[in-house]
Structures are given as structure tokens and as C-alpha cells.
Protein backbone atom coordinates (compact mmCIF):
# COMPACT_ATOMS: atom_id res chain seq x y z
CA MET A 1 -0.02 -0.06 -0.08
CA ASN A 2 1.42 3.51 -0.98
CA GLN A 3 2.08 4.97 2.55
CA HIS A 4 2.29 8.52 0.52
CA ALA A 5 -0.95 8.68 -0.95
CA ARG A 6 -2.85 11.85 -0.96
CA TRP A 7 -6.12 10.05 -0.44
CA PRO A 8 -5.07 7.32 2.17
CA LEU A 9 -7.59 5.19 3.80
CA PRO A 10 -9.04 7.47 6.83
CA LYS A 11 -7.45 6.34 10.11
CA HIS A 12 -10.65 7.32 12.04
CA ASP A 13 -12.95 4.86 10.37
CA TYR A 14 -12.54 1.85 12.58
CA TRP A 15 -14.71 -0.42 10.51
CA SER A 16 -14.55 0.47 6.69
CA THR A 17 -10.91 0.97 6.86
CA PRO A 18 -9.77 -2.33 8.29
CA PHE A 19 -11.84 -4.13 5.75
CA ALA A 20 -10.56 -2.08 2.97
CA GLU A 21 -6.97 -2.83 4.09
CA SER A 22 -7.61 -6.40 3.89
CA LEU A 23 -9.17 -6.02 0.27
CA LEU A 24 -6.14 -4.11 -0.83
CA GLN A 25 -3.72 -7.11 0.36
CA HIS A 26 -5.53 -9.11 -2.38
CA LEU A 27 -5.83 -6.32 -5.25
CA ASP A 28 -3.09 -4.76 -7.24
CA PRO A 29 -4.69 -1.36 -8.26
CA SER A 30 -2.08 -0.33 -11.01
CA PRO A 31 -2.26 2.68 -13.26
CA GLY A 32 -4.49 2.58 -16.16
CA LEU A 33 -6.99 -0.10 -14.93
CA ARG A 34 -10.73 0.62 -15.13
CA ILE A 35 -12.29 -0.38 -11.77
CA LEU A 36 -15.97 -0.69 -10.68
CA ASP A 37 -16.24 -0.31 -6.89
CA ILE A 38 -19.67 -1.26 -5.56
CA ALA A 39 -21.32 -0.52 -2.11
CA SER A 40 -18.94 2.61 -2.41
CA GLY A 41 -20.37 4.49 0.63
CA GLN A 42 -18.52 7.72 1.17
CA GLY A 43 -15.55 6.40 -0.87
CA ILE A 44 -13.66 3.62 1.16
CA PRO A 45 -11.65 2.54 -0.82
CA ALA A 46 -12.85 4.23 -4.05
CA PHE A 47 -10.60 7.49 -3.38
CA TYR A 48 -7.52 5.50 -2.91
CA LEU A 49 -8.28 3.27 -5.82
CA ALA A 50 -8.63 6.36 -8.06
CA GLU A 51 -5.44 7.52 -7.05
CA GLN A 52 -3.66 4.49 -7.76
CA VAL A 53 -5.09 3.96 -11.32
CA GLY A 54 -4.20 7.54 -12.18
CA PRO A 55 -5.70 9.71 -14.90
CA THR A 56 -5.21 7.17 -17.54
CA GLY A 57 -7.44 4.84 -15.45
CA GLU A 58 -11.15 5.10 -14.50
CA VAL A 59 -13.16 4.30 -11.09
CA LEU A 60 -16.84 4.14 -11.28
CA ALA A 61 -18.16 3.96 -7.52
CA ILE A 62 -21.70 2.90 -7.05
CA ASP A 63 -24.08 3.05 -3.95
CA ALA A 64 -27.79 2.44 -3.63
CA SER A 65 -28.05 5.30 -1.17
CA VAL A 66 -28.44 8.63 -2.62
CA GLY A 67 -27.29 10.37 0.56
CA GLN A 68 -23.78 8.40 0.52
CA VAL A 69 -23.43 9.28 -3.20
CA VAL A 70 -24.01 12.93 -2.37
CA ARG A 71 -21.69 12.88 0.60
CA ALA A 72 -19.01 11.15 -1.49
CA ARG A 73 -19.13 13.85 -4.21
CA ALA A 74 -19.00 16.60 -1.83
CA ILE A 75 -15.61 15.00 -0.57
CA GLN A 76 -14.43 14.71 -3.98
CA GLY A 77 -15.11 18.28 -5.18
CA SER A 78 -13.36 18.75 -8.61
CA GLN A 79 -10.51 16.43 -7.60
CA LEU A 80 -9.87 13.08 -9.29
CA PRO A 81 -12.02 13.63 -12.40
CA TRP A 82 -11.54 10.17 -13.43
CA LEU A 83 -13.72 9.05 -10.40
CA ARG A 84 -17.44 8.97 -10.80
CA PHE A 85 -19.85 8.40 -8.02
CA GLU A 86 -23.21 7.16 -9.18
CA CYS A 87 -26.40 6.02 -7.42
CA MET A 88 -26.98 2.50 -8.75
CA ASP A 89 -28.08 -0.81 -7.12
CA MET A 90 -25.54 -3.44 -7.79
CA ARG A 91 -27.97 -5.97 -7.66
CA PHE A 92 -29.53 -4.70 -10.80
CA LEU A 93 -26.82 -3.57 -12.97
CA PRO A 94 -27.98 -1.91 -16.35
CA PRO A 95 -27.23 -4.35 -19.14
CA ASP A 96 -25.50 -1.59 -21.14
CA LEU A 97 -23.01 -0.93 -18.46
CA GLN A 98 -19.37 -1.05 -19.59
CA THR A 99 -16.99 -3.89 -18.50
CA PHE A 100 -14.09 -3.43 -15.88
CA ASP A 101 -10.57 -4.72 -15.18
CA ARG A 102 -11.23 -5.15 -11.54
CA VAL A 103 -14.73 -5.14 -9.73
CA THR A 104 -14.14 -4.35 -5.95
CA GLY A 105 -16.83 -4.21 -3.07
CA ASN A 106 -15.71 -3.38 0.44
CA LEU A 107 -18.35 -4.63 3.15
CA SER A 108 -20.62 -5.36 0.22
CA VAL A 109 -21.87 -8.94 0.54
CA MET A 110 -24.25 -8.37 3.24
CA PHE A 111 -26.30 -6.19 0.89
CA PHE A 112 -26.55 -8.86 -1.92
CA ARG A 113 -29.54 -9.94 -0.40
CA PRO A 114 -31.97 -11.95 -1.18
CA ASN A 115 -30.25 -13.55 -4.04
CA ARG A 116 -26.57 -13.32 -3.17
CA PHE A 117 -25.22 -15.80 -5.95
CA GLU A 118 -27.13 -14.10 -8.60
CA THR A 119 -25.68 -10.67 -7.66
CA VAL A 120 -22.16 -12.20 -7.71
CA ARG A 121 -22.79 -13.64 -11.29
CA GLY A 122 -23.93 -10.33 -12.21
CA LEU A 123 -20.69 -8.87 -11.18
CA VAL A 124 -18.66 -11.50 -12.88
CA GLU A 125 -20.44 -10.61 -16.22
CA ARG A 126 -19.23 -6.90 -15.79
CA LEU A 127 -15.48 -8.29 -15.50
CA ASN A 128 -13.20 -8.24 -18.55
CA PRO A 129 -11.48 -11.55 -19.41
CA GLY A 130 -8.57 -11.79 -17.05
CA GLY A 131 -10.16 -9.32 -14.62
CA GLN A 132 -10.36 -9.76 -10.90
CA LEU A 133 -13.29 -9.59 -8.52
CA VAL A 134 -12.43 -8.91 -4.74
CA LEU A 135 -15.12 -8.64 -2.07
CA THR A 136 -15.09 -8.16 1.61
CA PHE A 137 -17.68 -8.84 4.49
CA PRO A 138 -17.86 -9.86 7.84
CA SER A 139 -18.16 -13.62 7.65
CA TYR A 140 -20.13 -16.18 9.68
CA GLY A 141 -18.45 -16.33 13.17
CA THR A 142 -18.00 -12.62 13.38
CA PHE A 143 -19.02 -11.59 17.10
CA ASP A 144 -19.68 -15.35 17.83
CA SER A 145 -18.89 -15.03 21.55
CA LEU A 146 -21.77 -12.23 21.50
CA TRP A 147 -24.25 -14.63 19.82
CA GLN A 148 -23.57 -17.53 22.05
CA ARG A 149 -24.10 -15.33 25.05
CA VAL A 150 -27.48 -13.96 23.43
CA ASP A 151 -28.48 -17.59 22.70
CA ARG A 152 -27.68 -18.91 26.25
CA ALA A 153 -29.83 -15.84 27.76
CA MET A 154 -32.76 -16.60 25.29
CA ILE A 155 -32.67 -20.33 26.61
CA GLN A 156 -32.56 -19.18 30.27
CA LEU A 157 -35.71 -16.96 29.78
CA GLY A 158 -37.62 -19.25 27.64
CA LEU A 159 -37.73 -17.00 24.68
CA THR A 160 -38.58 -19.74 22.23
CA THR A 161 -39.91 -17.70 19.30
CA GLU A 162 -37.25 -14.97 19.60
CA ARG A 163 -34.58 -17.65 19.63
CA GLU A 164 -36.10 -19.18 16.41
CA ARG A 165 -35.95 -16.02 14.73
CA PHE A 166 -32.40 -15.29 16.06
CA GLN A 167 -31.03 -18.57 14.92
CA ALA A 168 -32.62 -17.82 11.50
CA TYR A 169 -30.60 -14.53 11.36
CA LEU A 170 -27.49 -16.27 12.23
CA ASN A 171 -27.73 -19.02 9.81
CA GLU A 172 -28.49 -16.60 6.97
CA ARG A 173 -25.12 -14.89 7.19
CA PRO A 174 -22.66 -16.28 4.56
CA SER A 175 -19.35 -17.95 5.40
CA ALA A 176 -15.90 -17.98 3.74
CA GLN A 177 -16.70 -21.39 2.46
CA ASP A 178 -20.06 -19.87 0.92
CA GLY A 179 -18.26 -17.16 -0.82
CA ARG A 180 -15.40 -19.61 -2.27
CA ARG A 181 -18.37 -21.97 -3.46
CA TRP A 182 -20.03 -19.05 -5.44
CA PHE A 183 -16.74 -18.13 -7.28
CA GLU A 184 -15.93 -21.58 -8.03
CA GLU A 185 -19.37 -22.21 -9.35
CA LEU A 186 -19.09 -19.19 -11.57
CA ASP A 187 -15.84 -20.81 -12.98
CA LEU A 188 -13.33 -18.03 -11.62
CA GLU A 189 -9.73 -18.94 -11.25
CA ARG A 190 -7.29 -18.60 -8.52
CA VAL A 191 -10.00 -18.43 -6.24
CA GLU A 192 -9.12 -17.18 -2.49
CA ALA A 193 -11.34 -16.79 0.67
CA THR A 194 -9.23 -15.47 3.31
CA GLU A 195 -10.16 -14.35 6.92
CA TYR A 196 -8.57 -11.73 9.17
CA PRO A 197 -9.50 -11.31 12.72
CA LEU A 198 -10.36 -7.86 14.04
CA GLU A 199 -10.99 -7.06 17.51
CA VAL A 200 -13.49 -4.65 18.54
CA ALA A 201 -13.24 -2.95 22.00
CA THR A 202 -16.39 -1.94 24.02
CA GLY A 203 -17.28 -1.31 27.62
CA PRO A 204 -20.59 -2.18 29.50
CA GLY A 205 -23.88 -0.47 29.22
CA HIS A 206 -24.40 2.40 27.09
CA GLU A 207 -21.23 2.29 25.44
CA PHE A 208 -22.09 -1.45 24.25
CA LEU A 209 -25.69 -0.63 23.46
CA HIS A 210 -24.85 2.45 21.30
CA HIS A 211 -21.44 1.19 19.90
CA PRO A 212 -21.06 2.69 16.38
CA LEU A 213 -19.95 -0.46 14.96
CA LEU A 214 -22.64 -2.75 16.82
CA ARG A 215 -25.60 -0.66 16.62
CA GLY A 216 -27.30 0.10 13.50
CA GLY A 217 -26.62 -3.63 12.36
CA PHE A 218 -25.44 -6.43 14.49
CA LEU A 219 -27.23 -5.48 17.67
CA ASP A 220 -30.39 -4.83 15.61
CA ASP A 221 -30.57 -8.29 14.55
CA VAL A 222 -31.37 -9.00 18.27
CA TYR A 223 -33.95 -6.38 18.80
CA GLU A 224 -35.79 -7.37 15.43
CA CYS A 225 -36.39 -10.99 17.06
CA PHE A 226 -38.92 -9.48 19.30
CA GLU A 227 -42.30 -8.34 18.47
CA ASP A 228 -42.45 -5.77 21.37
CA GLN A 229 -39.44 -3.54 21.72
CA ARG A 230 -39.99 -2.98 25.47
CA PRO A 231 -38.81 -6.69 26.43
CA ALA A 232 -36.15 -6.39 23.76
CA GLU A 233 -34.75 -3.46 25.53
CA GLU A 234 -34.83 -5.07 28.69
CA PHE A 235 -33.31 -7.93 27.35
CA MET A 236 -30.30 -6.07 25.79
CA THR A 237 -29.96 -3.76 28.84
CA LYS A 238 -29.51 -6.60 31.11
CA LEU A 239 -26.94 -8.31 28.80
CA SER A 240 -24.87 -5.02 28.37
CA GLN A 241 -24.12 -5.14 32.10
CA ASP A 242 -22.11 -8.31 31.40
CA THR A 243 -19.95 -7.59 28.66
CA ARG A 244 -17.16 -9.71 30.46
CA SER A 245 -18.96 -12.72 29.54
CA PHE A 246 -18.64 -12.27 25.77
CA THR A 247 -15.57 -10.14 25.14
CA PRO A 248 -13.20 -9.67 23.42
CA LEU A 249 -15.65 -9.18 20.42
CA VAL A 250 -13.77 -10.64 17.13
CA ALA A 251 -15.15 -9.87 13.75
CA GLN A 252 -13.96 -11.99 10.90
CA ARG A 253 -13.03 -9.91 7.89
CA CYS A 254 -13.40 -12.17 4.87
CA VAL A 255 -11.83 -11.40 1.54
CA LEU A 256 -13.02 -13.24 -1.52
CA SER A 257 -10.84 -13.02 -4.70
CA GLY A 258 -10.96 -14.55 -7.95
CA TRP A 259 -9.98 -13.88 -11.67
CA LYS A 260 -11.93 -14.41 -14.67
CA LYS A 261 -10.56 -16.77 -17.27
CA GLY A 262 -8.58 -14.84 -19.93
């Protein structure tokens, strides 16, 4: 990774940046490449990729959220004119979209639902022969210690219906093995599915319940298992007082990489 980049990966982002770092370990963003970056958010790692491909290359960064695209464009201003941010759903790419030398997607796979395999197939179709597809996501097993603690608490409290919903959430999450199978079934070459652990620090109580990397995603899966949010809040508040029973919290950064036959 170029340590002197003008557009480095931001150090203050404790979630997107570590996943992007793992993505870049498997990607060679050399000058002149044409890259499609999906689920681009506010530009991690699109800005870095654009600087690496240079003015002879091109980066199209797409996100389904209008707000994310607007924020990314505001950060960009008039710089890196070969980088474009567009509002587009990666699950339904237009058939006339150009093809690319690389397709990247940082923290993207969780947004491929409901038909993950078909979404990956569509991305492979957008690859030039000899092109590379690299995706990252928190794979099955992420925060496993927390989910085991939630499961034990639901059993102890007799929350049968809530536990069934909770198990369905967990089982729906893709694993590294799932990703490898998708790539191999799509006839990609040199397929890799690599996991890098990432420890997330938190304290008890409010710090845990409103942790920026946990709330708005992982913890909400537990809340959604309850029909009534009052018992959900009581359940999670009690759990939050006992963070020692499930810390450290470890995420698995999974990187899927494969090459389209030339």
C-alpha cells in the first residue's frame, strides 16, 4: 500500500478502513485500470483506488443510497476527475454498463440479499477476461462470543420464538466457504477466501448498546427478534451489564478474490 498517497484510507474509520486494508492485500490497483467499486459509501476505498489507477484509468463507484453518493461527491469536489460516484443498485446493474478490469466491493456482500449468488454472477459478467473480483464482508463467526451469550440468555428466559428468529438470522449470514463456492461455481480462477480477525473494543452498558460498529446492524438483529421492543430493550440492557462474558468481540474480515478466465 502506498504510504504517501494523498487520498489514504482514513484512520478514524474503525470499520470500513480495516476491511479495505484487507481488500487491498489481495488487489493490485495499478495505473490505467478500469475499476467498478460497489457499495462505495463515502469513498472507502474508492478515493484510494482512483489515485492508484491515475488519470489514464477510471473508477466508477456506485451505491444504492443517494445520501452516500451526495456525501462522497462533496468530499471529492473537482478532484480526481476520472472517479465518478453514481447512485446504482449493484444487484440490478444496467445491461449496457461497460466492463471493467477489476470489480471491488468493500463490506458489500451483506447487501446482496436476497439472491447473493445471482448478484455475484452479475458482477462477474461486468468483468473483462483476465479481470479480478475482490469482495469483503464480516463472515459467519463474526462476534460469535456475543451470539453464544445471546443464545444462552434466550434459553434461560424461555424465549422460544425469539430464539428461532435469532437462529434464522445467524444461519442466513454467509461464510467464507459460501463465498468460495460462489466463485468456483462461476468458474473463476485462483479463488481465495481469506479471513483476518479484527477485535472490536467496548465497555458495558450504554457504550455497548450504542457502539457505532454494533448498533445499526449487528445488535439490531437481536432487537428485531422481538415483536415488542420493550422486552427487547430490557433483554439487551441486562446483557449489556455483562460484557465480560462475551468480550473480546472478534469480527472476521473475509476477503473473496477470484480471476475471470482470459
